[in-house]
Amino acid sequence: MRTLYFITHPNVVVSHDVPVPRWPLSELGKKRMRAGLAQPWLRDVTAVYCSTEQKAIDGAEILAQHRSLDFSRIEDLGENDRSATGFLPPDEFERVADEFFRFPDRSVRGWERAIDAQARVVRAVEEIAAKDKTSGAIAIVSHGAVGTLLYCHLAGEPIARRRDQPPNGGGNYYRFTLSPRAAHGWWRAIDGGV
């Protein structure tokens, strides 16, 4: 039974002038990822993967350097495509995200449909697990919405936002297996906080 960890990037530098996929981790986000290096399960990690978005790359780099590992960037681990709207103010973003999860088979304001994003991230994770040649645990640094979609799949439940990570700025993880398919536990803060 291969163990995997899905980790969402923590706090980012929000900028109206930079495309969302290029947002880096903030100093707080980097600090939280470094604090996460104390997680006891990290010593079992022998492979690190991330999306091609800067915030996930930044997080994966911190983990991989700590473990003296390389890491691989996988485009299909990216967040749901929201380029149709670009940056949205927080309150508006939350309303649109609610609709994204409530109507998974619809494109809400031009966003990638939740069912498509779920199929993409599930396929990417399954391919990683099938192709990875290391023997330990796999760490995947990615994003909140696709992490929630994967969690729903692992739990055998319909897509729903109730499986979303806590509203703590990201930087959460859960442990899972693909055979048997299951999420083992609930989201936890990488840095041990709330």
N, C-alpha and C. Protein backbone atom coordinates (compact mmCIF):
# COMPACT_ATOMS: atom_id res chain seq x y z
N MET A 1 0.85 -1.19 0.00
CA MET A 1 0.00 0.00 0.00
C MET A 1 0.89 1.24 0.00
N ARG A 2 0.85 2.00 -1.08
CA ARG A 2 1.68 3.20 -1.23
C ARG A 2 0.98 4.39 -0.57
N THR A 3 1.70 5.10 0.28
CA THR A 3 1.14 6.27 0.96
C THR A 3 1.50 7.53 0.18
N LEU A 4 0.53 8.40 0.02
CA LEU A 4 0.73 9.70 -0.62
C LEU A 4 0.21 10.79 0.30
N TYR A 5 0.79 11.97 0.16
CA TYR A 5 0.34 13.14 0.91
C TYR A 5 0.01 14.25 -0.08
N PHE A 6 -1.19 14.78 0.03
CA PHE A 6 -1.58 15.92 -0.79
C PHE A 6 -1.44 17.16 0.09
N ILE A 7 -0.61 18.10 -0.35
CA ILE A 7 -0.30 19.30 0.43
C ILE A 7 -0.69 20.53 -0.37
N THR A 8 -1.46 21.41 0.22
CA THR A 8 -1.79 22.65 -0.47
C THR A 8 -0.76 23.71 -0.11
N HIS A 9 -0.42 24.52 -1.10
CA HIS A 9 0.53 25.60 -0.83
C HIS A 9 -0.07 26.53 0.22
N PRO A 10 0.77 27.09 1.11
CA PRO A 10 0.26 28.08 2.07
C PRO A 10 0.23 29.49 1.46
N ASN A 11 0.11 30.45 2.29
CA ASN A 11 -0.11 31.86 1.98
C ASN A 11 0.77 32.38 0.84
N VAL A 12 0.15 33.20 -0.03
CA VAL A 12 0.84 33.71 -1.22
C VAL A 12 0.87 35.23 -1.23
N VAL A 13 1.70 35.77 -2.13
CA VAL A 13 1.73 37.20 -2.40
C VAL A 13 0.68 37.47 -3.47
N VAL A 14 -0.40 38.12 -3.09
CA VAL A 14 -1.49 38.44 -4.02
C VAL A 14 -1.14 39.73 -4.74
N SER A 15 -1.22 39.69 -6.08
CA SER A 15 -0.89 40.87 -6.87
C SER A 15 -1.85 40.99 -8.05
N HIS A 16 -2.42 42.18 -8.22
CA HIS A 16 -3.30 42.43 -9.37
C HIS A 16 -2.49 42.47 -10.66
N ASP A 17 -1.18 42.71 -10.56
CA ASP A 17 -0.32 42.90 -11.73
C ASP A 17 0.37 41.62 -12.19
N VAL A 18 0.21 40.53 -11.44
CA VAL A 18 0.88 39.28 -11.77
C VAL A 18 -0.20 38.22 -12.00
N PRO A 19 -0.11 37.45 -13.09
CA PRO A 19 -1.10 36.38 -13.30
C PRO A 19 -1.10 35.41 -12.11
N VAL A 20 -2.28 34.97 -11.73
CA VAL A 20 -2.43 34.10 -10.55
C VAL A 20 -1.46 32.91 -10.55
N PRO A 21 -1.25 32.21 -11.68
CA PRO A 21 -0.33 31.07 -11.65
C PRO A 21 1.12 31.44 -11.32
N ARG A 22 1.46 32.71 -11.38
CA ARG A 22 2.83 33.16 -11.10
C ARG A 22 2.98 33.74 -9.69
N TRP A 23 1.89 33.76 -8.91
CA TRP A 23 2.00 34.26 -7.55
C TRP A 23 2.95 33.36 -6.75
N PRO A 24 3.93 33.94 -6.04
CA PRO A 24 4.83 33.15 -5.20
C PRO A 24 4.27 33.00 -3.78
N LEU A 25 4.91 32.14 -3.02
CA LEU A 25 4.60 32.09 -1.59
C LEU A 25 5.04 33.39 -0.94
N SER A 26 4.26 33.83 0.02
CA SER A 26 4.65 35.00 0.82
C SER A 26 5.69 34.57 1.85
N GLU A 27 6.25 35.52 2.58
CA GLU A 27 7.18 35.16 3.64
C GLU A 27 6.50 34.29 4.69
N LEU A 28 5.23 34.61 4.99
CA LEU A 28 4.48 33.77 5.93
C LEU A 28 4.31 32.37 5.37
N GLY A 29 3.98 32.26 4.07
CA GLY A 29 3.83 30.96 3.45
C GLY A 29 5.10 30.14 3.51
N LYS A 30 6.25 30.79 3.23
CA LYS A 30 7.54 30.09 3.31
C LYS A 30 7.83 29.65 4.74
N LYS A 31 7.53 30.53 5.69
CA LYS A 31 7.75 30.20 7.10
C LYS A 31 6.91 28.99 7.51
N ARG A 32 5.66 28.96 7.06
CA ARG A 32 4.78 27.84 7.40
C ARG A 32 5.26 26.54 6.76
N MET A 33 5.73 26.61 5.50
CA MET A 33 6.26 25.40 4.86
C MET A 33 7.50 24.91 5.59
N ARG A 34 8.37 25.83 5.99
CA ARG A 34 9.57 25.43 6.74
C ARG A 34 9.20 24.81 8.08
N ALA A 35 8.18 25.37 8.74
CA ALA A 35 7.71 24.78 10.00
C ALA A 35 7.18 23.37 9.77
N GLY A 36 6.59 23.14 8.59
CA GLY A 36 6.06 21.82 8.24
C GLY A 36 7.14 20.76 8.09
N LEU A 37 8.39 21.18 7.98
CA LEU A 37 9.48 20.21 7.85
C LEU A 37 9.64 19.36 9.11
N ALA A 38 9.00 19.79 10.20
CA ALA A 38 9.04 19.02 11.45
C ALA A 38 8.01 17.88 11.46
N GLN A 39 7.15 17.79 10.45
CA GLN A 39 6.17 16.71 10.41
C GLN A 39 6.89 15.36 10.40
N PRO A 40 6.57 14.45 11.33
CA PRO A 40 7.29 13.18 11.40
C PRO A 40 7.17 12.32 10.15
N TRP A 41 6.06 12.40 9.42
CA TRP A 41 5.88 11.58 8.22
C TRP A 41 6.79 12.01 7.08
N LEU A 42 7.34 13.21 7.16
CA LEU A 42 8.16 13.71 6.06
C LEU A 42 9.41 12.85 5.84
N ARG A 43 9.89 12.21 6.90
CA ARG A 43 11.09 11.36 6.76
C ARG A 43 10.83 10.14 5.87
N ASP A 44 9.55 9.81 5.64
CA ASP A 44 9.20 8.67 4.78
C ASP A 44 9.07 9.07 3.31
N VAL A 45 9.11 10.37 3.02
CA VAL A 45 8.90 10.86 1.65
C VAL A 45 10.16 10.63 0.82
N THR A 46 9.97 9.95 -0.32
CA THR A 46 11.09 9.70 -1.23
C THR A 46 10.88 10.32 -2.61
N ALA A 47 9.74 11.01 -2.80
CA ALA A 47 9.47 11.67 -4.07
C ALA A 47 8.56 12.87 -3.83
N VAL A 48 8.83 13.95 -4.55
CA VAL A 48 8.05 15.18 -4.43
C VAL A 48 7.61 15.63 -5.83
N TYR A 49 6.32 15.92 -5.95
CA TYR A 49 5.74 16.40 -7.21
C TYR A 49 4.95 17.67 -6.90
N CYS A 50 4.78 18.52 -7.90
CA CYS A 50 3.99 19.73 -7.72
C CYS A 50 3.40 20.18 -9.04
N SER A 51 2.51 21.14 -8.97
CA SER A 51 1.96 21.74 -10.18
C SER A 51 3.02 22.69 -10.77
N THR A 52 2.70 23.27 -11.89
CA THR A 52 3.62 24.21 -12.55
C THR A 52 3.37 25.65 -12.12
N GLU A 53 2.52 25.85 -11.12
CA GLU A 53 2.26 27.20 -10.61
C GLU A 53 3.32 27.56 -9.56
N GLN A 54 3.74 28.83 -9.56
CA GLN A 54 4.89 29.25 -8.75
C GLN A 54 4.72 28.94 -7.26
N LYS A 55 3.54 29.15 -6.72
CA LYS A 55 3.33 28.93 -5.29
C LYS A 55 3.53 27.46 -4.92
N ALA A 56 3.12 26.55 -5.80
CA ALA A 56 3.33 25.13 -5.55
C ALA A 56 4.80 24.76 -5.74
N ILE A 57 5.43 25.35 -6.73
CA ILE A 57 6.86 25.12 -6.95
C ILE A 57 7.66 25.56 -5.73
N ASP A 58 7.33 26.74 -5.20
CA ASP A 58 8.02 27.25 -4.01
C ASP A 58 7.89 26.28 -2.84
N GLY A 59 6.68 25.77 -2.63
CA GLY A 59 6.46 24.82 -1.53
C GLY A 59 7.19 23.51 -1.75
N ALA A 60 7.14 22.99 -2.97
CA ALA A 60 7.81 21.73 -3.28
C ALA A 60 9.32 21.86 -3.11
N GLU A 61 9.85 23.01 -3.50
CA GLU A 61 11.29 23.23 -3.38
C GLU A 61 11.74 23.17 -1.92
N ILE A 62 10.97 23.75 -1.03
CA ILE A 62 11.31 23.72 0.40
C ILE A 62 11.32 22.28 0.91
N LEU A 63 10.29 21.50 0.56
CA LEU A 63 10.23 20.11 1.01
C LEU A 63 11.35 19.27 0.40
N ALA A 64 11.53 19.42 -0.91
CA ALA A 64 12.52 18.60 -1.61
C ALA A 64 13.93 18.89 -1.13
N GLN A 65 14.27 20.15 -0.95
CA GLN A 65 15.61 20.49 -0.46
C GLN A 65 15.87 19.88 0.92
N HIS A 66 14.85 19.93 1.77
CA HIS A 66 14.98 19.36 3.11
C HIS A 66 15.29 17.86 3.05
N ARG A 67 14.68 17.18 2.08
CA ARG A 67 14.85 15.73 1.94
C ARG A 67 15.99 15.38 0.99
N SER A 68 16.69 16.39 0.47
CA SER A 68 17.78 16.19 -0.52
C SER A 68 17.26 15.42 -1.74
N LEU A 69 16.10 15.85 -2.22
CA LEU A 69 15.47 15.23 -3.38
C LEU A 69 15.28 16.24 -4.50
N ASP A 70 15.16 15.73 -5.71
CA ASP A 70 14.67 16.56 -6.81
C ASP A 70 13.16 16.55 -6.71
N PHE A 71 12.51 17.42 -7.49
CA PHE A 71 11.05 17.36 -7.56
C PHE A 71 10.62 17.55 -9.00
N SER A 72 9.44 17.04 -9.32
CA SER A 72 8.92 17.09 -10.68
C SER A 72 7.69 17.97 -10.74
N ARG A 73 7.61 18.78 -11.79
CA ARG A 73 6.47 19.66 -12.03
C ARG A 73 5.52 18.99 -13.03
N ILE A 74 4.27 18.90 -12.64
CA ILE A 74 3.25 18.24 -13.46
C ILE A 74 2.12 19.23 -13.72
N GLU A 75 1.92 19.59 -14.97
CA GLU A 75 0.92 20.60 -15.31
C GLU A 75 -0.48 20.21 -14.85
N ASP A 76 -0.83 18.93 -14.97
CA ASP A 76 -2.19 18.51 -14.62
C ASP A 76 -2.48 18.53 -13.12
N LEU A 77 -1.48 18.86 -12.30
CA LEU A 77 -1.73 19.07 -10.86
C LEU A 77 -2.16 20.50 -10.58
N GLY A 78 -2.29 21.33 -11.62
CA GLY A 78 -2.64 22.73 -11.46
C GLY A 78 -4.04 22.94 -10.90
N GLU A 79 -4.24 24.14 -10.38
CA GLU A 79 -5.54 24.53 -9.83
C GLU A 79 -6.57 24.56 -10.95
N ASN A 80 -7.86 24.53 -10.56
CA ASN A 80 -8.89 24.64 -11.58
C ASN A 80 -8.67 25.95 -12.36
N ASP A 81 -8.85 25.89 -13.66
CA ASP A 81 -8.59 27.04 -14.53
C ASP A 81 -9.64 28.12 -14.30
N ARG A 82 -9.18 29.25 -13.77
CA ARG A 82 -10.07 30.38 -13.47
C ARG A 82 -9.69 31.60 -14.31
N SER A 83 -8.94 31.38 -15.38
CA SER A 83 -8.43 32.50 -16.17
C SER A 83 -9.54 33.34 -16.81
N ALA A 84 -10.73 32.78 -16.96
CA ALA A 84 -11.84 33.53 -17.56
C ALA A 84 -12.21 34.76 -16.74
N THR A 85 -12.01 34.68 -15.42
CA THR A 85 -12.33 35.83 -14.58
C THR A 85 -11.08 36.54 -14.08
N GLY A 86 -9.94 35.85 -14.07
CA GLY A 86 -8.75 36.47 -13.48
C GLY A 86 -8.97 36.70 -12.00
N PHE A 87 -8.24 37.68 -11.46
CA PHE A 87 -8.34 37.98 -10.03
C PHE A 87 -9.74 38.45 -9.68
N LEU A 88 -10.28 37.91 -8.60
CA LEU A 88 -11.57 38.35 -8.07
C LEU A 88 -11.36 38.78 -6.63
N PRO A 89 -12.03 39.85 -6.19
CA PRO A 89 -11.96 40.23 -4.76
C PRO A 89 -12.41 39.04 -3.90
N PRO A 90 -11.87 38.91 -2.70
CA PRO A 90 -12.13 37.72 -1.87
C PRO A 90 -13.61 37.34 -1.72
N ASP A 91 -14.49 38.29 -1.43
CA ASP A 91 -15.90 37.94 -1.24
C ASP A 91 -16.52 37.39 -2.52
N GLU A 92 -16.21 38.02 -3.64
CA GLU A 92 -16.74 37.55 -4.92
C GLU A 92 -16.15 36.19 -5.27
N PHE A 93 -14.86 36.02 -5.02
CA PHE A 93 -14.21 34.74 -5.29
C PHE A 93 -14.91 33.61 -4.52
N GLU A 94 -15.20 33.84 -3.25
CA GLU A 94 -15.84 32.80 -2.43
C GLU A 94 -17.23 32.45 -2.97
N ARG A 95 -17.97 33.44 -3.44
CA ARG A 95 -19.30 33.18 -4.01
C ARG A 95 -19.17 32.33 -5.29
N VAL A 96 -18.22 32.67 -6.14
CA VAL A 96 -18.04 31.91 -7.39
C VAL A 96 -17.52 30.50 -7.07
N ALA A 97 -16.63 30.39 -6.10
CA ALA A 97 -16.13 29.06 -5.70
C ALA A 97 -17.27 28.19 -5.16
N ASP A 98 -18.19 28.80 -4.40
CA ASP A 98 -19.36 28.04 -3.92
C ASP A 98 -20.13 27.46 -5.11
N GLU A 99 -20.34 28.27 -6.14
CA GLU A 99 -21.06 27.80 -7.33
C GLU A 99 -20.28 26.73 -8.07
N PHE A 100 -18.96 26.88 -8.14
CA PHE A 100 -18.10 25.90 -8.79
C PHE A 100 -18.33 24.52 -8.18
N PHE A 101 -18.39 24.44 -6.86
CA PHE A 101 -18.62 23.16 -6.20
C PHE A 101 -20.08 22.74 -6.24
N ARG A 102 -21.00 23.68 -6.19
CA ARG A 102 -22.43 23.36 -6.18
C ARG A 102 -22.92 22.82 -7.52
N PHE A 103 -22.32 23.31 -8.61
CA PHE A 103 -22.74 22.90 -9.95
C PHE A 103 -21.53 22.33 -10.70
N PRO A 104 -21.07 21.14 -10.32
CA PRO A 104 -19.81 20.63 -10.85
C PRO A 104 -19.81 20.34 -12.35
N ASP A 105 -20.98 20.16 -12.93
CA ASP A 105 -21.03 19.86 -14.36
C ASP A 105 -21.25 21.11 -15.21
N ARG A 106 -21.17 22.29 -14.60
CA ARG A 106 -21.33 23.55 -15.33
C ARG A 106 -20.05 24.37 -15.26
N SER A 107 -19.82 25.18 -16.27
CA SER A 107 -18.73 26.14 -16.22
C SER A 107 -19.29 27.42 -15.60
N VAL A 108 -18.83 27.74 -14.42
CA VAL A 108 -19.31 28.92 -13.71
C VAL A 108 -18.43 30.10 -14.12
N ARG A 109 -19.03 31.06 -14.79
CA ARG A 109 -18.34 32.27 -15.25
C ARG A 109 -17.09 31.96 -16.08
N GLY A 110 -17.15 30.87 -16.82
CA GLY A 110 -16.07 30.51 -17.70
C GLY A 110 -14.97 29.67 -17.06
N TRP A 111 -15.08 29.38 -15.76
CA TRP A 111 -14.10 28.54 -15.08
C TRP A 111 -14.16 27.11 -15.62
N GLU A 112 -13.06 26.39 -15.50
CA GLU A 112 -13.04 24.96 -15.79
C GLU A 112 -14.11 24.29 -14.91
N ARG A 113 -14.83 23.35 -15.50
CA ARG A 113 -15.86 22.64 -14.73
C ARG A 113 -15.20 21.78 -13.64
N ALA A 114 -15.87 21.68 -12.51
CA ALA A 114 -15.32 20.90 -11.41
C ALA A 114 -15.13 19.44 -11.80
N ILE A 115 -16.06 18.87 -12.57
CA ILE A 115 -15.91 17.47 -12.96
C ILE A 115 -14.68 17.26 -13.84
N ASP A 116 -14.36 18.26 -14.67
CA ASP A 116 -13.18 18.16 -15.53
C ASP A 116 -11.90 18.31 -14.72
N ALA A 117 -11.89 19.28 -13.79
CA ALA A 117 -10.72 19.47 -12.94
C ALA A 117 -10.49 18.23 -12.07
N GLN A 118 -11.57 17.62 -11.59
CA GLN A 118 -11.43 16.42 -10.77
C GLN A 118 -10.84 15.27 -11.59
N ALA A 119 -11.36 15.05 -12.79
CA ALA A 119 -10.84 13.97 -13.63
C ALA A 119 -9.36 14.19 -13.94
N ARG A 120 -8.98 15.42 -14.18
CA ARG A 120 -7.60 15.76 -14.50
C ARG A 120 -6.66 15.47 -13.33
N VAL A 121 -7.03 15.93 -12.13
CA VAL A 121 -6.13 15.74 -10.98
C VAL A 121 -6.09 14.27 -10.55
N VAL A 122 -7.21 13.57 -10.63
CA VAL A 122 -7.22 12.14 -10.30
C VAL A 122 -6.30 11.39 -11.27
N ARG A 123 -6.42 11.68 -12.55
CA ARG A 123 -5.57 11.03 -13.55
C ARG A 123 -4.09 11.32 -13.29
N ALA A 124 -3.77 12.57 -12.98
CA ALA A 124 -2.38 12.96 -12.72
C ALA A 124 -1.81 12.21 -11.52
N VAL A 125 -2.58 12.13 -10.45
CA VAL A 125 -2.12 11.44 -9.24
C VAL A 125 -1.95 9.94 -9.51
N GLU A 126 -2.88 9.35 -10.23
CA GLU A 126 -2.77 7.92 -10.55
C GLU A 126 -1.54 7.65 -11.41
N GLU A 127 -1.24 8.54 -12.36
CA GLU A 127 -0.06 8.38 -13.21
C GLU A 127 1.23 8.53 -12.40
N ILE A 128 1.24 9.48 -11.48
CA ILE A 128 2.41 9.66 -10.62
C ILE A 128 2.67 8.38 -9.83
N ALA A 129 1.64 7.85 -9.19
CA ALA A 129 1.80 6.65 -8.37
C ALA A 129 2.23 5.45 -9.21
N ALA A 130 1.73 5.35 -10.44
CA ALA A 130 2.07 4.21 -11.30
C ALA A 130 3.50 4.29 -11.82
N LYS A 131 3.98 5.51 -12.08
CA LYS A 131 5.29 5.68 -12.72
C LYS A 131 6.44 5.92 -11.75
N ASP A 132 6.14 6.35 -10.53
CA ASP A 132 7.21 6.68 -9.59
C ASP A 132 7.98 5.42 -9.20
N LYS A 133 9.30 5.50 -9.26
CA LYS A 133 10.15 4.33 -9.01
C LYS A 133 10.72 4.28 -7.60
N THR A 134 10.41 5.28 -6.77
CA THR A 134 10.92 5.26 -5.41
C THR A 134 10.06 4.33 -4.55
N SER A 135 10.51 4.06 -3.35
CA SER A 135 9.79 3.07 -2.53
C SER A 135 9.04 3.66 -1.35
N GLY A 136 9.26 4.94 -1.06
CA GLY A 136 8.62 5.54 0.11
C GLY A 136 7.35 6.28 -0.24
N ALA A 137 7.01 7.20 0.64
CA ALA A 137 5.80 8.00 0.45
C ALA A 137 6.03 9.06 -0.62
N ILE A 138 4.96 9.50 -1.24
CA ILE A 138 4.99 10.54 -2.27
C ILE A 138 4.31 11.78 -1.73
N ALA A 139 4.97 12.93 -1.86
CA ALA A 139 4.38 14.22 -1.48
C ALA A 139 4.00 14.97 -2.75
N ILE A 140 2.77 15.47 -2.78
CA ILE A 140 2.27 16.25 -3.90
C ILE A 140 1.88 17.62 -3.38
N VAL A 141 2.54 18.67 -3.89
CA VAL A 141 2.24 20.04 -3.49
C VAL A 141 1.39 20.66 -4.58
N SER A 142 0.19 21.04 -4.23
CA SER A 142 -0.74 21.54 -5.25
C SER A 142 -1.64 22.61 -4.64
N HIS A 143 -2.94 22.52 -4.91
CA HIS A 143 -3.85 23.64 -4.64
C HIS A 143 -5.13 23.16 -3.96
N GLY A 144 -5.81 24.12 -3.33
CA GLY A 144 -6.96 23.79 -2.51
C GLY A 144 -8.14 23.18 -3.23
N ALA A 145 -8.59 23.79 -4.32
CA ALA A 145 -9.80 23.27 -4.98
C ALA A 145 -9.56 21.88 -5.54
N VAL A 146 -8.44 21.66 -6.22
CA VAL A 146 -8.21 20.33 -6.78
C VAL A 146 -7.94 19.31 -5.68
N GLY A 147 -7.38 19.77 -4.56
CA GLY A 147 -7.22 18.87 -3.41
C GLY A 147 -8.56 18.43 -2.86
N THR A 148 -9.51 19.34 -2.85
CA THR A 148 -10.87 19.01 -2.40
C THR A 148 -11.53 18.05 -3.37
N LEU A 149 -11.37 18.30 -4.65
CA LEU A 149 -11.95 17.41 -5.67
C LEU A 149 -11.36 16.01 -5.56
N LEU A 150 -10.06 15.92 -5.33
CA LEU A 150 -9.42 14.62 -5.14
C LEU A 150 -9.95 13.95 -3.88
N TYR A 151 -10.10 14.71 -2.80
CA TYR A 151 -10.61 14.16 -1.55
C TYR A 151 -12.00 13.55 -1.77
N CYS A 152 -12.86 14.27 -2.49
CA CYS A 152 -14.21 13.75 -2.77
C CYS A 152 -14.12 12.42 -3.51
N HIS A 153 -13.24 12.35 -4.50
CA HIS A 153 -13.04 11.11 -5.26
C HIS A 153 -12.58 9.98 -4.34
N LEU A 154 -11.59 10.26 -3.51
CA LEU A 154 -11.05 9.25 -2.61
C LEU A 154 -12.10 8.74 -1.62
N ALA A 155 -12.96 9.66 -1.20
CA ALA A 155 -14.01 9.30 -0.23
C ALA A 155 -15.22 8.65 -0.91
N GLY A 156 -15.22 8.62 -2.26
CA GLY A 156 -16.35 8.04 -2.98
C GLY A 156 -17.61 8.86 -2.83
N GLU A 157 -17.45 10.18 -2.72
CA GLU A 157 -18.57 11.08 -2.50
C GLU A 157 -18.76 12.02 -3.67
N PRO A 158 -19.95 12.57 -3.82
CA PRO A 158 -20.15 13.60 -4.85
C PRO A 158 -19.29 14.83 -4.54
N ILE A 159 -18.98 15.58 -5.57
CA ILE A 159 -18.23 16.82 -5.40
C ILE A 159 -19.02 17.76 -4.49
N ALA A 160 -18.34 18.26 -3.45
CA ALA A 160 -18.99 19.17 -2.50
C ALA A 160 -17.93 19.99 -1.78
N ARG A 161 -18.24 21.23 -1.53
CA ARG A 161 -17.27 22.10 -0.87
C ARG A 161 -17.09 21.76 0.60
N ARG A 162 -17.96 20.98 1.16
CA ARG A 162 -17.83 20.63 2.58
C ARG A 162 -16.55 19.85 2.84
N ARG A 163 -15.92 19.33 1.79
CA ARG A 163 -14.65 18.62 1.92
C ARG A 163 -13.44 19.55 1.70
N ASP A 164 -13.71 20.86 1.61
CA ASP A 164 -12.66 21.85 1.36
C ASP A 164 -11.73 21.97 2.57
N GLN A 165 -10.51 22.44 2.32
CA GLN A 165 -9.56 22.65 3.40
C GLN A 165 -10.03 23.78 4.33
N PRO A 166 -9.51 23.84 5.54
CA PRO A 166 -9.90 24.92 6.47
C PRO A 166 -9.52 26.29 5.90
N PRO A 167 -10.23 27.33 6.30
CA PRO A 167 -9.93 28.68 5.80
C PRO A 167 -8.78 29.34 6.56
N ASN A 168 -7.58 28.75 6.43
CA ASN A 168 -6.43 29.24 7.19
C ASN A 168 -5.29 29.72 6.28
N GLY A 169 -5.62 30.06 5.03
CA GLY A 169 -4.59 30.53 4.12
C GLY A 169 -3.89 29.43 3.36
N GLY A 170 -4.41 28.20 3.41
CA GLY A 170 -3.77 27.07 2.74
C GLY A 170 -2.71 26.46 3.64
N GLY A 171 -1.86 25.65 3.02
CA GLY A 171 -0.83 24.99 3.82
C GLY A 171 -1.40 23.86 4.65
N ASN A 172 -2.25 23.04 4.04
CA ASN A 172 -2.87 21.91 4.71
C ASN A 172 -2.54 20.63 3.95
N TYR A 173 -2.71 19.49 4.61
CA TYR A 173 -2.41 18.23 3.95
C TYR A 173 -3.35 17.14 4.45
N TYR A 174 -3.44 16.09 3.66
CA TYR A 174 -4.05 14.84 4.11
C TYR A 174 -3.27 13.68 3.53
N ARG A 175 -3.34 12.56 4.19
CA ARG A 175 -2.69 11.32 3.75
C ARG A 175 -3.72 10.50 3.00
N PHE A 176 -3.28 9.82 1.92
CA PHE A 176 -4.22 8.99 1.19
C PHE A 176 -3.51 7.82 0.52
N THR A 177 -4.32 6.87 0.10
CA THR A 177 -3.84 5.73 -0.68
C THR A 177 -4.76 5.58 -1.88
N LEU A 178 -4.23 4.97 -2.92
CA LEU A 178 -5.03 4.69 -4.11
C LEU A 178 -5.51 3.25 -4.15
N SER A 179 -4.79 2.37 -3.45
CA SER A 179 -5.16 0.96 -3.40
C SER A 179 -4.93 0.45 -1.97
N PRO A 180 -5.95 0.43 -1.13
CA PRO A 180 -7.33 0.80 -1.43
C PRO A 180 -7.49 2.32 -1.55
N ARG A 181 -8.49 2.74 -2.32
CA ARG A 181 -8.75 4.16 -2.52
C ARG A 181 -9.38 4.75 -1.26
N ALA A 182 -8.64 5.65 -0.60
CA ALA A 182 -9.15 6.22 0.64
C ALA A 182 -8.32 7.42 1.07
N ALA A 183 -9.01 8.39 1.65
CA ALA A 183 -8.35 9.48 2.37
C ALA A 183 -8.26 9.03 3.82
N HIS A 184 -7.08 9.12 4.40
CA HIS A 184 -6.88 8.67 5.77
C HIS A 184 -6.79 9.89 6.67
N GLY A 185 -7.93 10.28 7.20
CA GLY A 185 -7.98 11.45 8.06
C GLY A 185 -8.44 12.68 7.31
N TRP A 186 -8.51 13.77 8.05
CA TRP A 186 -9.02 15.04 7.57
C TRP A 186 -7.85 15.96 7.30
N TRP A 187 -8.11 17.10 6.65
CA TRP A 187 -7.08 18.11 6.43
C TRP A 187 -6.43 18.50 7.76
N ARG A 188 -5.11 18.66 7.73
CA ARG A 188 -4.36 19.16 8.89
C ARG A 188 -3.42 20.27 8.41
N ALA A 189 -3.18 21.24 9.26
CA ALA A 189 -2.25 22.31 8.91
C ALA A 189 -0.83 21.77 8.86
N ILE A 190 -0.10 22.09 7.81
CA ILE A 190 1.27 21.60 7.64
C ILE A 190 2.17 22.05 8.79
N ASP A 191 1.90 23.26 9.32
CA ASP A 191 2.74 23.80 10.38
C ASP A 191 2.20 23.49 11.78
N GLY A 192 1.19 22.62 11.84
CA GLY A 192 0.64 22.23 13.13
C GLY A 192 -0.34 23.23 13.72
N GLY A 193 -0.60 24.34 13.02
CA GLY A 193 -1.55 25.34 13.50
C GLY A 193 -2.98 24.93 13.18
N VAL A 194 -3.87 25.88 13.30
CA VAL A 194 -5.29 25.62 13.04
C VAL A 194 -5.58 25.80 11.56
